[in-house]
Amino acid sequence: MMEINVLEKQKDKLVFELKNTNHTFCNYLKDELRNDKDVDVASYTISHPLVGVPKFFLKAKEPTNSLNKAIKELKKKNKELQKNF
């Protein structure tokens, strides 16, 4: 199960780690966040390809709301994919 560890939280900025995940999910999340008109920056880095934990940088009008919207949208898309598969 994926775990979110918030490292920094400000009014318009959120920095968090996503434990137990990889580039595939991180890219989906990053792309979904970038679809939000209220998001200025959505990016992530992994310090080491084999043992690093993805670290996200999110700058938005309301970063927590943007993250929640992106997660809900990804869940919806996943259900649609499962249904069609």
Protein backbone atom coordinates (compact mmCIF):
# COMPACT_ATOMS: atom_id res chain seq x y z
CA MET A 1 0.00 0.00 0.00
CA MET A 2 1.21 3.46 -0.88
CA GLU A 3 2.06 5.80 1.97
CA ILE A 4 2.17 9.61 1.80
CA ASN A 5 4.64 11.38 4.07
CA VAL A 6 4.24 15.18 4.10
CA LEU A 7 7.60 16.92 4.40
CA GLU A 8 6.53 20.53 3.99
CA LYS A 9 3.15 22.21 3.85
CA GLN A 10 2.57 25.88 3.13
CA LYS A 11 -0.37 27.87 1.80
CA ASP A 12 0.58 27.33 -1.85
CA LYS A 13 3.23 24.61 -1.62
CA LEU A 14 3.27 20.94 -0.67
CA VAL A 15 6.29 18.65 -0.57
CA PHE A 16 5.65 14.98 0.11
CA GLU A 17 7.08 11.51 -0.34
CA LEU A 18 5.21 8.59 -1.85
CA LYS A 19 6.49 5.39 -0.31
CA ASN A 20 6.00 2.00 -2.00
CA THR A 21 5.54 3.35 -5.51
CA ASN A 22 7.60 3.90 -8.66
CA HIS A 23 7.97 6.09 -11.75
CA THR A 24 4.85 4.69 -13.39
CA PHE A 25 2.41 5.93 -10.77
CA CYS A 26 4.39 9.11 -10.14
CA ASN A 27 4.17 10.04 -13.81
CA TYR A 28 0.41 9.42 -13.84
CA LEU A 29 -0.03 11.57 -10.75
CA LYS A 30 2.24 14.32 -12.06
CA ASP A 31 0.37 14.45 -15.38
CA GLU A 32 -3.01 14.50 -13.65
CA LEU A 33 -1.88 17.33 -11.37
CA ARG A 34 -0.69 19.32 -14.36
CA ASN A 35 -4.20 19.08 -15.85
CA ASP A 36 -5.47 21.21 -12.97
CA LYS A 37 -5.57 24.91 -13.91
CA ASP A 38 -4.81 25.85 -10.28
CA VAL A 39 -1.48 23.97 -10.31
CA ASP A 40 1.62 26.00 -11.15
CA VAL A 41 4.25 23.27 -10.62
CA ALA A 42 3.94 19.51 -10.24
CA SER A 43 7.14 17.52 -10.34
CA TYR A 44 8.93 14.73 -8.55
CA THR A 45 12.37 13.27 -8.13
CA ILE A 46 13.77 9.94 -7.03
CA SER A 47 17.23 10.23 -5.49
CA HIS A 48 18.26 6.67 -6.37
CA PRO A 49 16.55 4.51 -9.02
CA LEU A 50 16.63 1.31 -6.96
CA VAL A 51 16.14 2.42 -3.36
CA GLY A 52 14.99 6.05 -3.54
CA VAL A 53 11.59 7.25 -2.39
CA PRO A 54 9.74 9.55 -4.83
CA LYS A 55 9.60 13.12 -3.55
CA PHE A 56 6.89 15.38 -5.01
CA PHE A 57 6.92 19.16 -5.29
CA LEU A 58 3.52 20.74 -5.77
CA LYS A 59 2.88 24.48 -6.06
CA ALA A 60 -0.76 25.40 -6.47
CA LYS A 61 -3.51 27.72 -5.34
CA GLU A 62 -4.61 25.06 -2.81
CA PRO A 63 -2.17 22.14 -3.12
CA THR A 64 -4.03 19.74 -0.82
CA ASN A 65 -7.24 20.21 -2.78
CA SER A 66 -5.41 19.75 -6.08
CA LEU A 67 -3.80 16.55 -4.83
CA ASN A 68 -7.15 15.18 -3.63
CA LYS A 69 -8.80 16.01 -6.98
CA ALA A 70 -5.98 14.30 -8.89
CA ILE A 71 -6.22 11.16 -6.77
CA LYS A 72 -10.00 10.99 -7.23
CA GLU A 73 -9.60 11.40 -10.99
CA LEU A 74 -6.96 8.65 -11.15
CA LYS A 75 -9.25 6.33 -9.19
CA LYS A 76 -12.07 7.08 -11.63
CA LYS A 77 -9.83 6.39 -14.64
CA ASN A 78 -8.61 3.17 -13.05
CA LYS A 79 -12.20 1.95 -12.56
CA GLU A 80 -13.01 2.78 -16.18
CA LEU A 81 -9.94 0.89 -17.35
CA GLN A 82 -10.86 -2.16 -15.26
CA LYS A 83 -14.42 -2.05 -16.58
CA ASN A 84 -13.28 -1.86 -20.21
CA PHE A 85 -10.60 -4.47 -19.79
